[in-house]
Amino acid sequence: MFGYIISGQLPCTTFERLSETQFVSNLTVANTSLHIVVFITEPFPEGFGGAIYFNWPNPEPTWQYLGFISNTKPSAIFKASQLQSPPESGAAVMFGGVVATAQPQLGISALPLSEIEQLTTAHDTTSLSVSSHVLFVQKMLDNLYNYISSFAVTQQQMTPSSDMFVKISTVTQWYERFKSRMTSDPNFWKK
């Protein structure tokens, strides 16, 4: 029903079923830089999704909510590197039948989507998506454009120097073209 990939490893679909709605898998992690892709291998019942939890080995299990997957969001990528220490407060007590191990663990709880919407992620977790990358690039471009524009002068205001100059219209043209390409294909720069 579920699978995951840890960066640099083969996909895994082995989960221990604790109950009708709770599944756990022990993770083999080579280092503390941890990116996990979690995905469904078959659809959830209508109106349900999977709440994804993570547990670093601690004396007591401290399950921290990462995010969710569903039929409309069949996969998600998480950066869980910062979750090595127990949270200060409010750690979810989940998967009660699981014995603490020396390995990190991934837990998935099948819940109604209305319940999943009420959950909040651990503060040090990053869920990566194309839209967050697009937003970052657009903000960066806006900042660069505003910064460069703040130095714009007319040709009459220019003083002779050995510096090279780029016309602001050239920067504007590049900026508009880049934004357009980013909007139509967020991964164009990888090609």
N, C-alpha and C. Protein backbone atom coordinates (compact mmCIF):
# COMPACT_ATOMS: atom_id res chain seq x y z
N MET A 1 0.81 -1.20 0.00
CA MET A 1 0.00 0.00 0.00
C MET A 1 0.86 1.27 0.00
N PHE A 2 2.09 1.19 0.62
CA PHE A 2 2.98 2.35 0.70
C PHE A 2 4.39 1.93 0.30
N GLY A 3 5.17 2.92 -0.02
CA GLY A 3 6.58 2.69 -0.27
C GLY A 3 7.36 3.94 0.09
N TYR A 4 8.67 3.81 0.17
CA TYR A 4 9.51 4.97 0.43
C TYR A 4 10.87 4.76 -0.22
N ILE A 5 11.53 5.87 -0.44
CA ILE A 5 12.91 5.84 -0.95
C ILE A 5 13.71 6.80 -0.08
N ILE A 6 14.81 6.32 0.45
CA ILE A 6 15.76 7.19 1.14
C ILE A 6 16.83 7.53 0.11
N SER A 7 17.21 8.80 0.04
CA SER A 7 18.17 9.21 -0.97
C SER A 7 19.38 8.29 -0.98
N GLY A 8 19.72 7.80 -2.18
CA GLY A 8 20.85 6.92 -2.36
C GLY A 8 20.56 5.45 -2.14
N GLN A 9 19.30 5.09 -1.87
CA GLN A 9 18.95 3.69 -1.61
C GLN A 9 17.85 3.23 -2.56
N LEU A 10 17.66 1.93 -2.62
CA LEU A 10 16.60 1.35 -3.44
C LEU A 10 15.24 1.59 -2.77
N PRO A 11 14.16 1.61 -3.57
CA PRO A 11 12.83 1.75 -2.98
C PRO A 11 12.51 0.58 -2.04
N CYS A 12 11.69 0.85 -1.04
CA CYS A 12 11.27 -0.16 -0.07
C CYS A 12 9.76 -0.08 0.11
N THR A 13 9.12 -1.23 0.13
CA THR A 13 7.68 -1.29 0.37
C THR A 13 7.35 -2.19 1.55
N THR A 14 8.33 -2.45 2.41
CA THR A 14 8.15 -3.33 3.56
C THR A 14 7.72 -2.52 4.78
N PHE A 15 6.50 -2.75 5.22
CA PHE A 15 5.97 -2.11 6.43
C PHE A 15 5.39 -3.19 7.33
N GLU A 16 5.56 -3.01 8.63
CA GLU A 16 4.90 -3.88 9.60
C GLU A 16 3.53 -3.29 9.87
N ARG A 17 2.50 -4.09 9.74
CA ARG A 17 1.13 -3.63 9.98
C ARG A 17 0.82 -3.80 11.46
N LEU A 18 0.64 -2.68 12.17
CA LEU A 18 0.35 -2.72 13.60
C LEU A 18 -1.14 -2.83 13.87
N SER A 19 -1.94 -2.24 12.98
CA SER A 19 -3.39 -2.28 13.11
C SER A 19 -3.97 -2.06 11.72
N GLU A 20 -5.28 -1.92 11.64
CA GLU A 20 -5.92 -1.67 10.35
C GLU A 20 -5.45 -0.35 9.74
N THR A 21 -5.01 0.58 10.59
CA THR A 21 -4.69 1.92 10.09
C THR A 21 -3.25 2.35 10.34
N GLN A 22 -2.43 1.54 11.02
CA GLN A 22 -1.07 1.98 11.36
C GLN A 22 -0.03 1.01 10.81
N PHE A 23 1.01 1.61 10.18
CA PHE A 23 2.07 0.86 9.53
C PHE A 23 3.40 1.48 9.91
N VAL A 24 4.43 0.63 10.16
CA VAL A 24 5.75 1.12 10.57
C VAL A 24 6.83 0.38 9.79
N SER A 25 7.91 1.10 9.48
CA SER A 25 9.07 0.49 8.84
C SER A 25 10.33 1.02 9.49
N ASN A 26 11.28 0.12 9.79
CA ASN A 26 12.59 0.54 10.30
C ASN A 26 13.44 0.99 9.11
N LEU A 27 14.09 2.12 9.27
CA LEU A 27 14.89 2.68 8.18
C LEU A 27 16.36 2.36 8.37
N THR A 28 17.03 2.07 7.28
CA THR A 28 18.48 1.90 7.30
C THR A 28 19.06 3.20 6.78
N VAL A 29 19.74 3.92 7.67
CA VAL A 29 20.26 5.24 7.32
C VAL A 29 21.77 5.24 7.49
N ALA A 30 22.48 5.65 6.41
CA ALA A 30 23.94 5.66 6.44
C ALA A 30 24.49 6.93 7.08
N ASN A 31 23.79 8.04 6.95
CA ASN A 31 24.26 9.30 7.53
C ASN A 31 23.07 10.10 8.02
N THR A 32 23.34 11.25 8.59
CA THR A 32 22.27 12.05 9.17
C THR A 32 21.62 13.00 8.18
N SER A 33 22.11 13.07 6.96
CA SER A 33 21.47 13.88 5.94
C SER A 33 20.39 13.02 5.30
N LEU A 34 19.16 13.24 5.70
CA LEU A 34 18.10 12.31 5.36
C LEU A 34 16.98 12.97 4.56
N HIS A 35 16.81 12.52 3.32
CA HIS A 35 15.68 12.91 2.49
C HIS A 35 14.88 11.63 2.23
N ILE A 36 13.59 11.70 2.44
CA ILE A 36 12.73 10.53 2.26
C ILE A 36 11.61 10.88 1.29
N VAL A 37 11.41 10.03 0.29
CA VAL A 37 10.26 10.13 -0.59
C VAL A 37 9.28 9.05 -0.14
N VAL A 38 8.06 9.43 0.14
CA VAL A 38 7.03 8.48 0.56
C VAL A 38 5.95 8.50 -0.51
N PHE A 39 5.45 7.31 -0.89
CA PHE A 39 4.46 7.24 -1.97
C PHE A 39 3.47 6.11 -1.72
N ILE A 40 2.32 6.20 -2.40
CA ILE A 40 1.33 5.13 -2.30
C ILE A 40 1.51 4.19 -3.49
N THR A 41 1.23 2.92 -3.25
CA THR A 41 1.31 1.92 -4.33
C THR A 41 -0.08 1.48 -4.77
N GLU A 42 -1.09 1.84 -3.97
CA GLU A 42 -2.48 1.61 -4.35
C GLU A 42 -3.31 2.70 -3.70
N PRO A 43 -4.45 3.06 -4.29
CA PRO A 43 -5.24 4.19 -3.78
C PRO A 43 -5.80 3.96 -2.38
N PHE A 44 -5.98 5.07 -1.66
CA PHE A 44 -6.67 5.06 -0.37
C PHE A 44 -8.18 4.96 -0.63
N PRO A 45 -8.94 4.51 0.36
CA PRO A 45 -10.40 4.63 0.24
C PRO A 45 -10.77 6.11 0.11
N GLU A 46 -11.86 6.40 -0.54
CA GLU A 46 -12.31 7.78 -0.76
C GLU A 46 -12.35 8.55 0.56
N GLY A 47 -11.75 9.75 0.57
CA GLY A 47 -11.77 10.61 1.75
C GLY A 47 -10.68 10.31 2.77
N PHE A 48 -9.78 9.38 2.45
CA PHE A 48 -8.70 9.03 3.39
C PHE A 48 -7.34 9.40 2.81
N GLY A 49 -6.36 9.49 3.70
CA GLY A 49 -4.98 9.74 3.32
C GLY A 49 -4.07 9.11 4.35
N GLY A 50 -2.78 9.28 4.18
CA GLY A 50 -1.80 8.72 5.10
C GLY A 50 -1.01 9.81 5.79
N ALA A 51 -1.14 9.92 7.11
CA ALA A 51 -0.33 10.85 7.90
C ALA A 51 1.03 10.18 8.11
N ILE A 52 2.09 10.91 7.79
CA ILE A 52 3.43 10.34 7.83
C ILE A 52 4.16 10.85 9.07
N TYR A 53 4.71 9.91 9.83
CA TYR A 53 5.42 10.23 11.07
C TYR A 53 6.84 9.69 10.99
N PHE A 54 7.73 10.32 11.77
CA PHE A 54 9.14 9.93 11.79
C PHE A 54 9.60 9.83 13.23
N ASN A 55 10.45 8.83 13.51
CA ASN A 55 10.98 8.64 14.86
C ASN A 55 12.48 8.34 14.78
N TRP A 56 13.32 9.25 15.29
CA TRP A 56 14.75 8.95 15.45
C TRP A 56 14.89 8.10 16.69
N PRO A 57 15.92 7.25 16.74
CA PRO A 57 16.09 6.42 17.93
C PRO A 57 16.36 7.28 19.17
N ASN A 58 15.52 7.13 20.13
CA ASN A 58 15.62 7.81 21.42
C ASN A 58 15.25 6.78 22.49
N PRO A 59 15.52 7.08 23.75
CA PRO A 59 15.10 6.11 24.78
C PRO A 59 13.60 5.81 24.69
N GLU A 60 12.79 6.82 24.44
CA GLU A 60 11.36 6.64 24.26
C GLU A 60 10.99 7.08 22.85
N PRO A 61 10.11 6.35 22.17
CA PRO A 61 9.71 6.79 20.83
C PRO A 61 9.07 8.18 20.87
N THR A 62 9.50 9.06 19.99
CA THR A 62 8.92 10.40 19.87
C THR A 62 8.56 10.61 18.41
N TRP A 63 7.36 10.24 18.06
CA TRP A 63 6.89 10.34 16.68
C TRP A 63 6.59 11.79 16.35
N GLN A 64 7.17 12.25 15.25
CA GLN A 64 6.96 13.62 14.81
C GLN A 64 6.29 13.60 13.44
N TYR A 65 5.22 14.36 13.31
CA TYR A 65 4.44 14.41 12.07
C TYR A 65 5.21 15.16 10.99
N LEU A 66 5.35 14.53 9.81
CA LEU A 66 6.05 15.16 8.69
C LEU A 66 5.11 15.79 7.69
N GLY A 67 4.02 15.12 7.37
CA GLY A 67 3.10 15.58 6.34
C GLY A 67 2.21 14.43 5.95
N PHE A 68 1.67 14.46 4.72
CA PHE A 68 0.73 13.41 4.34
C PHE A 68 0.83 13.08 2.86
N ILE A 69 0.23 11.95 2.52
CA ILE A 69 0.02 11.54 1.14
C ILE A 69 -1.46 11.19 0.99
N SER A 70 -1.96 11.27 -0.23
CA SER A 70 -3.36 10.95 -0.48
C SER A 70 -3.51 10.58 -1.95
N ASN A 71 -4.73 10.30 -2.36
CA ASN A 71 -4.96 9.96 -3.77
C ASN A 71 -4.66 11.15 -4.68
N THR A 72 -4.89 12.37 -4.19
CA THR A 72 -4.59 13.56 -5.00
C THR A 72 -3.15 14.05 -4.82
N LYS A 73 -2.47 13.54 -3.82
CA LYS A 73 -1.05 13.84 -3.56
C LYS A 73 -0.36 12.50 -3.27
N PRO A 74 -0.11 11.69 -4.33
CA PRO A 74 0.35 10.32 -4.11
C PRO A 74 1.79 10.17 -3.65
N SER A 75 2.55 11.25 -3.60
CA SER A 75 3.92 11.17 -3.09
C SER A 75 4.32 12.49 -2.46
N ALA A 76 5.33 12.42 -1.60
CA ALA A 76 5.85 13.62 -0.95
C ALA A 76 7.31 13.39 -0.61
N ILE A 77 8.07 14.47 -0.60
CA ILE A 77 9.49 14.42 -0.27
C ILE A 77 9.68 15.19 1.03
N PHE A 78 10.43 14.59 1.95
CA PHE A 78 10.68 15.24 3.24
C PHE A 78 12.16 15.25 3.55
N LYS A 79 12.60 16.35 4.15
CA LYS A 79 13.96 16.44 4.68
C LYS A 79 13.82 16.31 6.19
N ALA A 80 14.28 15.19 6.71
CA ALA A 80 14.09 14.91 8.12
C ALA A 80 15.39 14.99 8.92
N SER A 81 16.42 15.60 8.36
CA SER A 81 17.73 15.67 9.02
C SER A 81 17.67 16.36 10.37
N GLN A 82 16.82 17.35 10.51
CA GLN A 82 16.79 18.16 11.73
C GLN A 82 15.98 17.53 12.85
N LEU A 83 15.43 16.35 12.61
CA LEU A 83 14.56 15.72 13.61
C LEU A 83 15.30 14.74 14.50
N GLN A 84 16.60 14.89 14.67
CA GLN A 84 17.38 13.92 15.43
C GLN A 84 17.16 14.02 16.93
N SER A 85 16.75 15.16 17.40
CA SER A 85 16.51 15.28 18.85
C SER A 85 15.01 15.32 19.09
N PRO A 86 14.59 14.87 20.27
CA PRO A 86 13.16 14.90 20.56
C PRO A 86 12.65 16.33 20.59
N PRO A 87 11.41 16.54 20.19
CA PRO A 87 10.84 17.88 20.24
C PRO A 87 10.71 18.35 21.68
N GLU A 88 10.70 19.69 21.87
CA GLU A 88 10.60 20.22 23.23
C GLU A 88 9.28 19.83 23.90
N SER A 89 8.20 19.85 23.12
CA SER A 89 6.91 19.48 23.69
C SER A 89 5.97 19.06 22.58
N GLY A 90 4.92 18.40 22.97
CA GLY A 90 3.87 18.07 22.02
C GLY A 90 4.20 16.95 21.05
N ALA A 91 5.15 16.07 21.38
CA ALA A 91 5.47 14.96 20.49
C ALA A 91 4.29 14.00 20.45
N ALA A 92 3.98 13.54 19.28
CA ALA A 92 2.87 12.62 19.13
C ALA A 92 3.23 11.26 19.71
N VAL A 93 2.34 10.69 20.50
CA VAL A 93 2.52 9.34 21.00
C VAL A 93 1.72 8.46 20.05
N MET A 94 2.41 7.86 19.12
CA MET A 94 1.76 7.07 18.08
C MET A 94 2.37 5.67 18.07
N PHE A 95 1.73 4.79 17.36
CA PHE A 95 2.27 3.47 17.10
C PHE A 95 2.70 2.80 18.41
N GLY A 96 1.79 2.79 19.36
CA GLY A 96 2.06 2.32 20.72
C GLY A 96 2.69 0.95 20.83
N GLY A 97 2.42 0.03 19.89
CA GLY A 97 2.97 -1.31 20.00
C GLY A 97 4.39 -1.43 19.52
N VAL A 98 5.00 -0.33 19.12
CA VAL A 98 6.35 -0.39 18.56
C VAL A 98 7.38 -0.24 19.66
N VAL A 99 8.34 -1.12 19.66
CA VAL A 99 9.44 -1.06 20.62
C VAL A 99 10.50 -0.14 20.04
N ALA A 100 11.09 0.74 20.87
CA ALA A 100 12.14 1.63 20.41
C ALA A 100 13.30 0.81 19.87
N THR A 101 13.84 1.21 18.74
CA THR A 101 14.95 0.50 18.13
C THR A 101 16.14 1.43 17.99
N ALA A 102 17.24 0.89 17.52
CA ALA A 102 18.44 1.70 17.29
C ALA A 102 18.39 2.35 15.91
N GLN A 103 17.31 2.11 15.18
CA GLN A 103 17.17 2.66 13.84
C GLN A 103 16.05 3.70 13.81
N PRO A 104 16.15 4.68 12.91
CA PRO A 104 15.01 5.58 12.72
C PRO A 104 13.82 4.77 12.17
N GLN A 105 12.63 5.28 12.38
CA GLN A 105 11.44 4.58 11.93
C GLN A 105 10.52 5.54 11.19
N LEU A 106 9.81 4.99 10.21
CA LEU A 106 8.82 5.73 9.45
C LEU A 106 7.47 5.11 9.77
N GLY A 107 6.51 5.93 10.16
CA GLY A 107 5.18 5.43 10.48
C GLY A 107 4.15 6.11 9.60
N ILE A 108 3.16 5.36 9.16
CA ILE A 108 2.07 5.91 8.37
C ILE A 108 0.76 5.50 9.02
N SER A 109 -0.09 6.48 9.24
CA SER A 109 -1.38 6.23 9.85
C SER A 109 -2.46 6.65 8.85
N ALA A 110 -3.30 5.68 8.44
CA ALA A 110 -4.40 5.98 7.52
C ALA A 110 -5.51 6.66 8.30
N LEU A 111 -5.84 7.89 7.89
CA LEU A 111 -6.83 8.69 8.60
C LEU A 111 -7.75 9.39 7.60
N PRO A 112 -8.93 9.81 8.05
CA PRO A 112 -9.75 10.66 7.19
C PRO A 112 -9.00 11.97 6.90
N LEU A 113 -9.15 12.47 5.69
CA LEU A 113 -8.46 13.71 5.32
C LEU A 113 -8.83 14.87 6.22
N SER A 114 -10.06 14.88 6.75
CA SER A 114 -10.47 15.95 7.66
C SER A 114 -9.62 15.95 8.94
N GLU A 115 -9.20 14.78 9.39
CA GLU A 115 -8.32 14.69 10.58
C GLU A 115 -6.89 15.10 10.22
N ILE A 116 -6.43 14.69 9.06
CA ILE A 116 -5.07 15.02 8.63
C ILE A 116 -4.90 16.53 8.50
N GLU A 117 -5.93 17.21 8.02
CA GLU A 117 -5.87 18.67 7.86
C GLU A 117 -5.64 19.39 9.18
N GLN A 118 -5.99 18.75 10.30
CA GLN A 118 -5.84 19.37 11.63
C GLN A 118 -4.43 19.19 12.20
N LEU A 119 -3.62 18.32 11.61
CA LEU A 119 -2.29 18.05 12.14
C LEU A 119 -1.31 19.15 11.73
N THR A 120 -0.29 19.36 12.56
CA THR A 120 0.76 20.33 12.22
C THR A 120 2.09 19.61 12.18
N THR A 121 2.93 20.01 11.23
CA THR A 121 4.22 19.34 11.05
C THR A 121 5.22 19.77 12.10
N ALA A 122 6.22 18.92 12.30
CA ALA A 122 7.33 19.25 13.19
C ALA A 122 8.02 20.50 12.63
N HIS A 123 8.44 21.42 13.48
CA HIS A 123 8.96 22.70 13.00
C HIS A 123 10.24 22.60 12.21
N ASP A 124 11.02 21.56 12.36
CA ASP A 124 12.28 21.45 11.62
C ASP A 124 12.17 20.57 10.38
N THR A 125 10.96 20.25 9.96
CA THR A 125 10.76 19.39 8.81
C THR A 125 10.52 20.26 7.59
N THR A 126 11.08 19.87 6.49
CA THR A 126 10.84 20.57 5.25
C THR A 126 10.19 19.63 4.27
N SER A 127 9.01 19.98 3.81
CA SER A 127 8.36 19.22 2.75
C SER A 127 8.67 19.96 1.46
N LEU A 128 9.36 19.29 0.57
CA LEU A 128 9.80 19.94 -0.65
C LEU A 128 8.78 19.73 -1.75
N SER A 129 8.47 20.78 -2.47
CA SER A 129 7.57 20.66 -3.61
C SER A 129 8.01 21.63 -4.68
N VAL A 130 7.55 21.36 -5.88
CA VAL A 130 7.91 22.23 -6.99
C VAL A 130 7.43 23.64 -6.72
N SER A 131 6.22 23.80 -6.16
CA SER A 131 5.70 25.14 -5.93
C SER A 131 6.56 25.94 -4.95
N SER A 132 7.15 25.28 -3.94
CA SER A 132 8.02 26.02 -3.02
C SER A 132 9.31 26.45 -3.70
N HIS A 133 9.81 25.63 -4.63
CA HIS A 133 11.01 26.02 -5.38
C HIS A 133 10.69 27.18 -6.31
N VAL A 134 9.55 27.13 -6.97
CA VAL A 134 9.13 28.21 -7.87
C VAL A 134 9.00 29.50 -7.08
N LEU A 135 8.35 29.43 -5.93
CA LEU A 135 8.17 30.61 -5.10
C LEU A 135 9.52 31.18 -4.68
N PHE A 136 10.45 30.32 -4.27
CA PHE A 136 11.78 30.79 -3.88
C PHE A 136 12.48 31.50 -5.03
N VAL A 137 12.46 30.88 -6.21
CA VAL A 137 13.13 31.48 -7.37
C VAL A 137 12.48 32.81 -7.73
N GLN A 138 11.16 32.88 -7.69
CA GLN A 138 10.49 34.14 -8.02
C GLN A 138 10.86 35.24 -7.02
N LYS A 139 10.91 34.89 -5.74
CA LYS A 139 11.30 35.88 -4.73
C LYS A 139 12.76 36.32 -4.93
N MET A 140 13.62 35.35 -5.27
CA MET A 140 15.01 35.68 -5.51
C MET A 140 15.15 36.60 -6.73
N LEU A 141 14.42 36.29 -7.78
CA LEU A 141 14.46 37.13 -8.98
C LEU A 141 13.95 38.54 -8.69
N ASP A 142 12.85 38.63 -7.96
CA ASP A 142 12.32 39.94 -7.59
C ASP A 142 13.35 40.73 -6.81
N ASN A 143 14.01 40.09 -5.86
CA ASN A 143 15.01 40.75 -5.06
C ASN A 143 16.19 41.23 -5.91
N LEU A 144 16.69 40.36 -6.80
CA LEU A 144 17.80 40.73 -7.68
C LEU A 144 17.41 41.89 -8.58
N TYR A 145 16.23 41.81 -9.17
CA TYR A 145 15.78 42.86 -10.08
C TYR A 145 15.64 44.19 -9.35
N ASN A 146 15.03 44.16 -8.17
CA ASN A 146 14.88 45.40 -7.39
C ASN A 146 16.23 45.97 -6.99
N TYR A 147 17.16 45.12 -6.62
CA TYR A 147 18.49 45.57 -6.23
C TYR A 147 19.20 46.24 -7.42
N ILE A 148 19.21 45.56 -8.55
CA ILE A 148 19.88 46.11 -9.73
C ILE A 148 19.21 47.40 -10.18
N SER A 149 17.88 47.42 -10.15
CA SER A 149 17.14 48.61 -10.58
C SER A 149 17.43 49.82 -9.70
N SER A 150 17.76 49.58 -8.45
CA SER A 150 18.02 50.70 -7.55
C SER A 150 19.29 51.47 -7.94
N PHE A 151 20.14 50.87 -8.77
CA PHE A 151 21.35 51.54 -9.22
C PHE A 151 21.21 52.14 -10.62
N ALA A 152 20.03 52.04 -11.19
CA ALA A 152 19.81 52.52 -12.56
C ALA A 152 20.00 54.04 -12.65
N VAL A 153 20.69 54.47 -13.67
CA VAL A 153 20.88 55.90 -13.96
C VAL A 153 20.64 56.11 -15.45
N THR A 154 20.33 57.33 -15.81
CA THR A 154 20.17 57.65 -17.23
C THR A 154 21.55 57.79 -17.86
N GLN A 155 21.59 57.82 -19.18
CA GLN A 155 22.88 57.94 -19.86
C GLN A 155 23.55 59.27 -19.52
N GLN A 156 22.76 60.31 -19.32
CA GLN A 156 23.33 61.62 -18.96
C GLN A 156 23.95 61.61 -17.56
N GLN A 157 23.44 60.76 -16.68
CA GLN A 157 23.94 60.69 -15.31
C GLN A 157 25.19 59.83 -15.18
N MET A 158 25.52 59.07 -16.22
CA MET A 158 26.68 58.19 -16.17
C MET A 158 27.96 59.00 -16.20
N THR A 159 28.92 58.56 -15.42
CA THR A 159 30.24 59.20 -15.42
C THR A 159 31.23 58.23 -16.05
N PRO A 160 32.23 58.76 -16.76
CA PRO A 160 33.21 57.86 -17.38
C PRO A 160 33.96 57.04 -16.30
N SER A 161 34.06 55.74 -16.54
CA SER A 161 34.82 54.88 -15.64
C SER A 161 35.19 53.61 -16.39
N SER A 162 35.97 52.78 -15.75
CA SER A 162 36.39 51.53 -16.37
C SER A 162 35.39 50.39 -16.12
N ASP A 163 34.33 50.67 -15.34
CA ASP A 163 33.32 49.66 -15.08
C ASP A 163 32.51 49.37 -16.34
N MET A 164 32.02 48.13 -16.44
CA MET A 164 31.15 47.77 -17.54
C MET A 164 29.70 47.97 -17.09
N PHE A 165 28.81 48.33 -18.00
CA PHE A 165 27.41 48.57 -17.67
C PHE A 165 26.51 47.69 -18.52
N VAL A 166 25.41 47.31 -17.94
CA VAL A 166 24.37 46.55 -18.64
C VAL A 166 23.11 47.40 -18.62
N LYS A 167 22.47 47.55 -19.76
CA LYS A 167 21.25 48.34 -19.82
C LYS A 167 20.17 47.65 -18.98
N ILE A 168 19.41 48.44 -18.23
CA ILE A 168 18.35 47.89 -17.38
C ILE A 168 17.31 47.18 -18.24
N SER A 169 17.12 47.61 -19.49
CA SER A 169 16.16 46.94 -20.37
C SER A 169 16.61 45.50 -20.66
N THR A 170 17.91 45.26 -20.71
CA THR A 170 18.42 43.90 -20.92
C THR A 170 18.12 43.03 -19.70
N VAL A 171 18.31 43.59 -18.51
CA VAL A 171 18.01 42.85 -17.28
C VAL A 171 16.50 42.60 -17.20
N THR A 172 15.69 43.58 -17.56
CA THR A 172 14.23 43.43 -17.55
C THR A 172 13.80 42.32 -18.51
N GLN A 173 14.37 42.30 -19.70
CA GLN A 173 14.03 41.29 -20.70
C GLN A 173 14.39 39.89 -20.17
N TRP A 174 15.59 39.75 -19.60
CA TRP A 174 16.01 38.47 -19.03
C TRP A 174 15.07 38.04 -17.90
N TYR A 175 14.75 38.99 -17.03
CA TYR A 175 13.90 38.73 -15.88
C TYR A 175 12.53 38.20 -16.32
N GLU A 176 11.89 38.87 -17.26
CA GLU A 176 10.58 38.45 -17.74
C GLU A 176 10.64 37.09 -18.42
N ARG A 177 11.68 36.86 -19.20
CA ARG A 177 11.84 35.58 -19.89
C ARG A 177 12.05 34.44 -18.89
N PHE A 178 12.88 34.66 -17.89
CA PHE A 178 13.15 33.64 -16.88
C PHE A 178 11.87 33.31 -16.10
N LYS A 179 11.13 34.33 -15.68
CA LYS A 179 9.88 34.11 -14.95
C LYS A 179 8.89 33.31 -15.78
N SER A 180 8.80 33.63 -17.06
CA SER A 180 7.89 32.92 -17.95
C SER A 180 8.27 31.45 -18.07
N ARG A 181 9.56 31.19 -18.26
CA ARG A 181 10.02 29.80 -18.37
C ARG A 181 9.82 29.05 -17.06
N MET A 182 10.06 29.71 -15.95
CA MET A 182 9.89 29.07 -14.64
C MET A 182 8.43 28.72 -14.40
N THR A 183 7.52 29.59 -14.83
CA THR A 183 6.10 29.34 -14.66
C THR A 183 5.63 28.17 -15.52
N SER A 184 6.11 28.11 -16.76
CA SER A 184 5.65 27.05 -17.66
C SER A 184 6.33 25.70 -17.40
N ASP A 185 7.58 25.72 -16.93
CA ASP A 185 8.29 24.47 -16.64
C ASP A 185 9.29 24.71 -15.51
N PRO A 186 8.90 24.47 -14.25
CA PRO A 186 9.78 24.75 -13.11
C PRO A 186 11.12 24.02 -13.15
N ASN A 187 11.22 22.97 -13.94
CA ASN A 187 12.46 22.20 -14.00
C ASN A 187 13.28 22.46 -15.26
N PHE A 188 12.97 23.54 -16.00
CA PHE A 188 13.67 23.81 -17.26
C PHE A 188 15.18 23.97 -17.06
N TRP A 189 15.58 24.48 -15.94
CA TRP A 189 17.00 24.74 -15.69
C TRP A 189 17.80 23.46 -15.50
N LYS A 190 17.14 22.31 -15.30
CA LYS A 190 17.83 21.05 -15.13
C LYS A 190 18.21 20.41 -16.46
N LYS A 191 17.64 20.93 -17.54
CA LYS A 191 17.86 20.32 -18.87
C LYS A 191 19.14 20.78 -19.51
